[in-house]
Amino acid sequence: MALAGTVSTGASAQSPKLMRVGVHKGVVFVPALLLQSILGSNWKVELSYFGSPADMANAIVSHSIDIGYTGVTIAAIARSKGLPIVLAASSAGKGTAIIVGAKTSIHKMEDVRGKRFGQVVGGIQDVQFREELRKVGMTIKDINPIAIAFADLPQALQGGSIDVFCGGEPFSTKTIEDGYGRLLKYPYDTPVGTINAGILTHEATVQSNPDMIKAFVGAHRDAVTRLRGNLDEAAELGNKNWGFPLGISRKALDNVDLRWVIDDSFLSDLGNYMARMKDLGIIASVPDINKLVVRDFARA
């Protein structure tokens, strides 16, 4: 009996710790697919998939997951409403493209006046597109916005119900490779810069389980470092695990900047982005960036 008890205690001590991670299926989030192999037997990584950033934020607030890979938009929205969400690391920059129908007469931003725009309201692509409009003296009132779910943008363009959209990867590249879409521009030449996605968690998790956040960010850092030097592997991960066409994913990754560091440049882009969100009425007030962002884990 004593021996059995000793064996049981030893097995319990060696049990891996659980890390519950939320993720969206997109090439900007492929580092999530390497977490388990990097962390090894000390941790059990449980990936949960989300179609909506809002659903992921709710899961973090309710402690249904510990950490989430998603856009910085929902972090700012949640924090502006007083929800205890923080950004613990960067995840990716770029990953956005303004795509027009291949047969349209749209060749510069001024040409989108009066055209049908597939709009994902409140997302970073929406803000980036409005910034590009502002640069040429237009607003959303000068075009015909049509609210469409993110995943339905390519089909809407192919079917002719919209003329232009600002979308993510690999879906933007897919429209070009399939012949019905054409790149108008990458929307990175505005004060919003190239900011896109981050790592979100609950502020209470940072306080109660900093070792988990440290382990996660370390694994994410190693995954980003590895994949930045081998985009072919990143494309293969997206193909094998999420069914993305291999060639399209590889080309899409040329429009992605995998990241992990929270540096002054990231904070500047985030500050500019949140100011624009307020100007556009997406948030009522700009959250305190020093409360929204925790830099302890993601310093270079």
Protein backbone atom coordinates (compact mmCIF):
# COMPACT_ATOMS: atom_id res chain seq x y z
CA MET A 1 0.00 0.00 0.00
CA ALA A 2 2.81 2.37 0.90
CA LEU A 3 4.58 1.61 -2.37
CA ALA A 4 1.42 2.25 -4.35
CA GLY A 5 1.00 5.58 -2.62
CA THR A 6 4.55 6.56 -3.42
CA VAL A 7 4.12 5.71 -7.11
CA SER A 8 0.90 7.71 -7.29
CA THR A 9 2.54 10.78 -5.75
CA GLY A 10 5.44 10.59 -8.19
CA ALA A 11 3.15 10.32 -11.18
CA SER A 12 1.15 13.30 -9.96
CA ALA A 13 4.29 15.41 -9.53
CA GLN A 14 5.25 14.71 -13.13
CA SER A 15 1.85 15.60 -14.60
CA PRO A 16 2.12 18.38 -17.18
CA LYS A 17 0.61 21.75 -16.37
CA LEU A 18 -2.32 22.81 -18.56
CA MET A 19 -2.06 25.86 -20.82
CA ARG A 20 -5.35 26.75 -22.55
CA VAL A 21 -4.70 28.83 -25.67
CA GLY A 22 -7.26 30.42 -27.98
CA VAL A 23 -6.41 31.00 -31.65
CA HIS A 24 -7.94 31.98 -34.99
CA LYS A 25 -7.04 30.01 -38.11
CA GLY A 26 -4.85 32.36 -40.13
CA VAL A 27 -1.25 32.44 -41.31
CA VAL A 28 -0.42 35.21 -38.82
CA PHE A 29 -1.13 32.73 -36.01
CA VAL A 30 0.88 29.68 -37.15
CA PRO A 31 3.36 30.04 -34.25
CA ALA A 32 0.59 28.60 -32.06
CA LEU A 33 1.09 25.29 -33.83
CA LEU A 34 4.65 24.95 -32.47
CA LEU A 35 3.90 25.72 -28.82
CA GLN A 36 3.53 22.13 -27.68
CA SER A 37 6.69 20.87 -29.33
CA ILE A 38 8.72 23.76 -27.89
CA LEU A 39 7.30 23.52 -24.36
CA GLY A 40 7.69 19.76 -24.21
CA SER A 41 6.37 17.51 -21.47
CA ASN A 42 6.17 20.15 -18.74
CA TRP A 43 3.08 21.68 -20.31
CA LYS A 44 -0.01 20.39 -22.05
CA VAL A 45 -1.11 22.98 -24.63
CA GLU A 46 -4.85 22.87 -25.30
CA LEU A 47 -5.72 24.85 -28.45
CA SER A 48 -9.27 26.18 -28.83
CA TYR A 49 -10.42 27.76 -32.07
CA PHE A 50 -12.49 30.94 -32.30
CA GLY A 51 -14.25 32.55 -35.25
CA SER A 52 -14.71 35.89 -33.48
CA PRO A 53 -12.24 38.05 -31.53
CA ALA A 54 -15.14 39.09 -29.27
CA ASP A 55 -15.82 35.45 -28.39
CA MET A 56 -12.14 34.97 -27.56
CA ALA A 57 -12.12 38.06 -25.35
CA ASN A 58 -15.17 36.76 -23.50
CA ALA A 59 -13.43 33.40 -23.00
CA ILE A 60 -10.42 35.17 -21.49
CA VAL A 61 -12.58 37.28 -19.18
CA SER A 62 -14.51 34.20 -18.03
CA HIS A 63 -11.25 32.23 -17.57
CA SER A 64 -12.38 29.61 -20.11
CA ILE A 65 -8.95 30.03 -21.73
CA ASP A 66 -5.72 31.41 -20.32
CA ILE A 67 -4.20 33.13 -23.34
CA GLY A 68 -5.42 34.19 -26.79
CA TYR A 69 -3.87 34.92 -30.19
CA THR A 70 -6.04 37.62 -31.79
CA GLY A 71 -6.10 41.17 -33.14
CA VAL A 72 -5.20 44.13 -30.95
CA THR A 73 -8.57 45.72 -31.81
CA ILE A 74 -10.54 43.59 -29.38
CA ALA A 75 -7.98 44.25 -26.64
CA ALA A 76 -8.54 48.00 -26.95
CA ILE A 77 -12.32 47.60 -27.15
CA ALA A 78 -12.42 45.33 -24.09
CA ARG A 79 -10.16 47.56 -22.02
CA SER A 80 -12.11 50.67 -22.98
CA LYS A 81 -15.17 48.97 -21.48
CA GLY A 82 -13.34 48.25 -18.26
CA LEU A 83 -12.73 44.55 -18.90
CA PRO A 84 -9.52 43.16 -17.29
CA ILE A 85 -7.73 42.17 -20.48
CA VAL A 86 -4.05 42.89 -21.11
CA LEU A 87 -1.60 42.49 -24.00
CA ALA A 88 1.38 40.37 -22.92
CA ALA A 89 3.24 40.13 -26.25
CA SER A 90 3.02 41.04 -29.89
CA SER A 91 2.07 38.35 -32.40
CA ALA A 92 2.24 39.69 -35.93
CA GLY A 93 2.33 42.81 -38.02
CA LYS A 94 1.17 43.42 -41.58
CA GLY A 95 -1.02 40.57 -42.89
CA THR A 96 -3.49 42.96 -44.56
CA ALA A 97 -4.19 43.90 -48.18
CA ILE A 98 -6.67 46.08 -50.05
CA ILE A 99 -8.07 43.88 -52.81
CA VAL A 100 -10.26 44.94 -55.73
CA GLY A 101 -12.07 42.93 -58.35
CA ALA A 102 -9.69 41.95 -61.13
CA LYS A 103 -11.99 43.36 -63.80
CA THR A 104 -12.83 46.63 -62.04
CA SER A 105 -11.52 50.02 -63.11
CA ILE A 106 -10.08 50.68 -59.63
CA HIS A 107 -6.36 51.43 -59.89
CA LYS A 108 -5.80 53.93 -57.06
CA MET A 109 -7.57 54.81 -53.81
CA GLU A 110 -9.39 57.73 -55.40
CA ASP A 111 -11.12 55.24 -57.71
CA VAL A 112 -13.03 53.60 -54.85
CA ARG A 113 -15.38 56.61 -54.61
CA GLY A 114 -18.95 55.33 -54.86
CA LYS A 115 -17.82 51.70 -55.05
CA ARG A 116 -19.16 48.83 -52.93
CA PHE A 117 -16.80 48.13 -50.03
CA GLY A 118 -16.95 44.85 -48.11
CA GLN A 119 -16.67 46.10 -44.55
CA VAL A 120 -15.83 44.12 -41.43
CA VAL A 121 -16.97 46.76 -38.96
CA GLY A 122 -14.58 47.56 -36.14
CA GLY A 123 -11.67 45.37 -37.20
CA ILE A 124 -8.15 46.61 -37.81
CA GLN A 125 -8.67 46.29 -41.58
CA ASP A 126 -11.66 48.63 -41.34
CA VAL A 127 -9.54 51.26 -39.59
CA GLN A 128 -6.66 50.82 -42.04
CA PHE A 129 -8.98 51.28 -45.00
CA ARG A 130 -10.50 54.43 -43.50
CA GLU A 131 -7.00 55.79 -42.96
CA GLU A 132 -6.23 55.24 -46.63
CA LEU A 133 -9.46 57.03 -47.55
CA ARG A 134 -8.51 59.96 -45.31
CA LYS A 135 -5.16 60.30 -47.08
CA VAL A 136 -6.95 61.02 -50.37
CA GLY A 137 -9.56 63.34 -48.85
CA MET A 138 -12.39 60.83 -48.54
CA THR A 139 -14.38 59.23 -45.72
CA ILE A 140 -16.52 56.12 -45.48
CA LYS A 141 -19.45 58.33 -46.59
CA ASP A 142 -17.86 58.63 -50.05
CA ILE A 143 -18.18 54.89 -50.71
CA ASN A 144 -20.88 52.27 -50.37
CA PRO A 145 -19.98 50.09 -47.35
CA ILE A 146 -21.63 46.66 -47.12
CA ALA A 147 -21.23 44.78 -43.84
CA ILE A 148 -19.86 41.30 -44.54
CA ALA A 149 -18.35 38.63 -42.33
CA PHE A 150 -14.57 38.38 -42.59
CA ALA A 151 -14.60 34.87 -44.05
CA ASP A 152 -17.17 35.83 -46.72
CA LEU A 153 -15.19 38.70 -48.28
CA PRO A 154 -13.48 36.67 -51.05
CA GLN A 155 -16.74 35.00 -52.10
CA ALA A 156 -18.50 38.38 -52.18
CA LEU A 157 -15.76 39.80 -54.41
CA GLN A 158 -15.81 36.76 -56.68
CA GLY A 159 -19.60 36.94 -56.97
CA GLY A 160 -19.53 40.65 -57.81
CA SER A 161 -21.56 41.88 -54.84
CA ILE A 162 -18.63 44.07 -53.73
CA ASP A 163 -15.87 45.87 -55.64
CA VAL A 164 -13.21 46.16 -52.95
CA PHE A 165 -12.32 44.87 -49.50
CA CYS A 166 -9.52 45.19 -46.97
CA GLY A 167 -8.79 41.70 -45.70
CA GLY A 168 -6.32 39.36 -44.06
CA GLU A 169 -4.09 36.51 -45.14
CA PRO A 170 -4.08 33.97 -46.72
CA PHE A 171 -7.53 34.89 -48.06
CA SER A 172 -6.42 38.11 -49.77
CA THR A 173 -3.62 36.32 -51.61
CA LYS A 174 -6.03 33.54 -52.58
CA THR A 175 -8.25 35.99 -54.50
CA ILE A 176 -5.21 37.07 -56.54
CA GLU A 177 -3.95 33.55 -57.19
CA ASP A 178 -7.45 32.41 -58.20
CA GLY A 179 -7.66 35.24 -60.72
CA TYR A 180 -10.67 37.24 -59.55
CA GLY A 181 -8.85 39.64 -57.20
CA ARG A 182 -6.13 42.23 -57.75
CA LEU A 183 -3.92 43.95 -55.18
CA LEU A 184 -4.62 47.67 -54.91
CA LYS A 185 -2.15 48.34 -52.09
CA TYR A 186 -0.89 47.34 -48.68
CA PRO A 187 -2.31 49.83 -46.12
CA TYR A 188 0.81 50.37 -44.05
CA ASP A 189 1.72 53.96 -44.94
CA THR A 190 -0.44 55.63 -42.27
CA PRO A 191 0.10 56.56 -38.58
CA VAL A 192 -1.43 53.17 -37.66
CA GLY A 193 1.62 51.53 -39.24
CA THR A 194 1.83 47.76 -39.51
CA ILE A 195 0.23 46.75 -36.22
CA ASN A 196 -2.10 43.75 -36.35
CA ALA A 197 -2.20 40.98 -33.75
CA GLY A 198 -1.15 40.35 -30.17
CA ILE A 199 -1.24 37.95 -27.24
CA LEU A 200 -4.09 38.62 -24.80
CA THR A 201 -4.61 37.36 -21.27
CA HIS A 202 -6.49 38.24 -18.08
CA GLU A 203 -4.75 40.69 -15.76
CA ALA A 204 -5.48 38.32 -12.87
CA THR A 205 -3.65 35.52 -14.72
CA VAL A 206 -0.55 37.72 -14.94
CA GLN A 207 -0.69 38.16 -11.18
CA SER A 208 -1.62 34.59 -10.19
CA ASN A 209 0.35 32.59 -12.75
CA PRO A 210 3.26 34.63 -14.13
CA ASP A 211 5.26 31.45 -14.71
CA MET A 212 2.71 30.28 -17.27
CA ILE A 213 2.76 33.61 -19.11
CA LYS A 214 6.56 33.59 -19.06
CA ALA A 215 6.64 30.03 -20.42
CA PHE A 216 4.10 30.87 -23.12
CA VAL A 217 5.84 34.03 -24.31
CA GLY A 218 9.17 32.19 -24.33
CA ALA A 219 7.72 29.44 -26.51
CA HIS A 220 5.99 31.97 -28.77
CA ARG A 221 9.29 33.86 -29.10
CA ASP A 222 11.11 30.67 -30.09
CA ALA A 223 8.38 29.76 -32.59
CA VAL A 224 8.47 33.23 -34.17
CA THR A 225 12.27 33.20 -34.36
CA ARG A 226 12.23 29.77 -36.01
CA LEU A 227 9.47 30.54 -38.51
CA ARG A 228 10.74 33.99 -39.51
CA GLY A 229 13.79 32.17 -40.80
CA ASN A 230 11.78 29.44 -42.50
CA LEU A 231 8.53 30.64 -44.07
CA ASP A 232 8.30 27.38 -46.00
CA GLU A 233 7.82 25.58 -42.68
CA ALA A 234 5.22 28.15 -41.62
CA ALA A 235 3.28 27.50 -44.83
CA GLU A 236 3.54 23.75 -44.31
CA LEU A 237 2.14 24.10 -40.77
CA GLY A 238 -0.85 26.05 -42.07
CA ASN A 239 -1.40 23.49 -44.81
CA LYS A 240 -1.09 20.41 -42.61
CA ASN A 241 -3.09 21.65 -39.64
CA TRP A 242 -5.59 24.10 -41.12
CA GLY A 243 -5.90 23.05 -44.75
CA PHE A 244 -4.56 26.26 -46.30
CA PRO A 245 -3.28 25.68 -49.87
CA LEU A 246 0.49 25.39 -49.59
CA GLY A 247 1.52 27.71 -52.41
CA ILE A 248 -1.00 30.40 -51.46
CA SER A 249 0.03 30.28 -47.81
CA ARG A 250 3.69 30.67 -48.73
CA LYS A 251 3.00 33.74 -50.86
CA ALA A 252 0.69 35.16 -48.18
CA LEU A 253 3.47 34.88 -45.59
CA ASP A 254 5.53 37.37 -47.59
CA ASN A 255 2.89 39.88 -46.41
CA VAL A 256 3.20 38.87 -42.75
CA ASP A 257 5.68 40.01 -40.12
CA LEU A 258 5.70 37.46 -37.29
CA ARG A 259 6.56 39.18 -34.00
CA TRP A 260 6.79 38.76 -30.24
CA VAL A 261 8.49 41.88 -28.84
CA ILE A 262 6.59 44.77 -27.29
CA ASP A 263 8.88 47.71 -28.01
CA ASP A 264 8.50 51.47 -28.35
CA SER A 265 7.51 51.13 -32.00
CA PHE A 266 4.67 48.74 -31.09
CA LEU A 267 3.45 51.09 -28.35
CA SER A 268 3.53 54.06 -30.75
CA ASP A 269 1.52 52.21 -33.41
CA LEU A 270 -0.94 50.98 -30.77
CA GLY A 271 -1.40 54.47 -29.37
CA ASN A 272 -2.04 55.90 -32.85
CA TYR A 273 -4.40 53.05 -33.65
CA MET A 274 -6.48 53.50 -30.51
CA ALA A 275 -6.71 57.25 -31.14
CA ARG A 276 -8.11 56.52 -34.59
CA MET A 277 -10.55 53.99 -33.12
CA LYS A 278 -11.89 56.73 -30.86
CA ASP A 279 -12.12 59.24 -33.73
CA LEU A 280 -14.12 56.68 -35.71
CA GLY A 281 -16.45 55.95 -32.78
CA ILE A 282 -15.30 52.34 -32.35
CA ILE A 283 -14.35 53.07 -28.72
CA ALA A 284 -15.75 55.79 -26.48
CA SER A 285 -12.43 56.50 -24.79
CA VAL A 286 -8.80 55.52 -25.29
CA PRO A 287 -7.72 53.08 -22.57
CA ASP A 288 -4.62 53.72 -20.47
CA ILE A 289 -1.91 52.02 -22.50
CA ASN A 290 0.13 51.38 -19.33
CA LYS A 291 -2.73 49.28 -17.97
CA LEU A 292 -3.54 47.61 -21.28
CA VAL A 293 0.04 46.53 -22.05
CA VAL A 294 2.28 44.42 -19.82
CA ARG A 295 5.85 44.68 -21.08
CA ASP A 296 7.54 42.44 -18.49
CA PHE A 297 7.39 39.26 -20.59
CA ALA A 298 8.12 40.49 -24.11
CA ARG A 299 11.19 42.69 -23.89
CA ALA A 300 13.91 42.05 -26.45
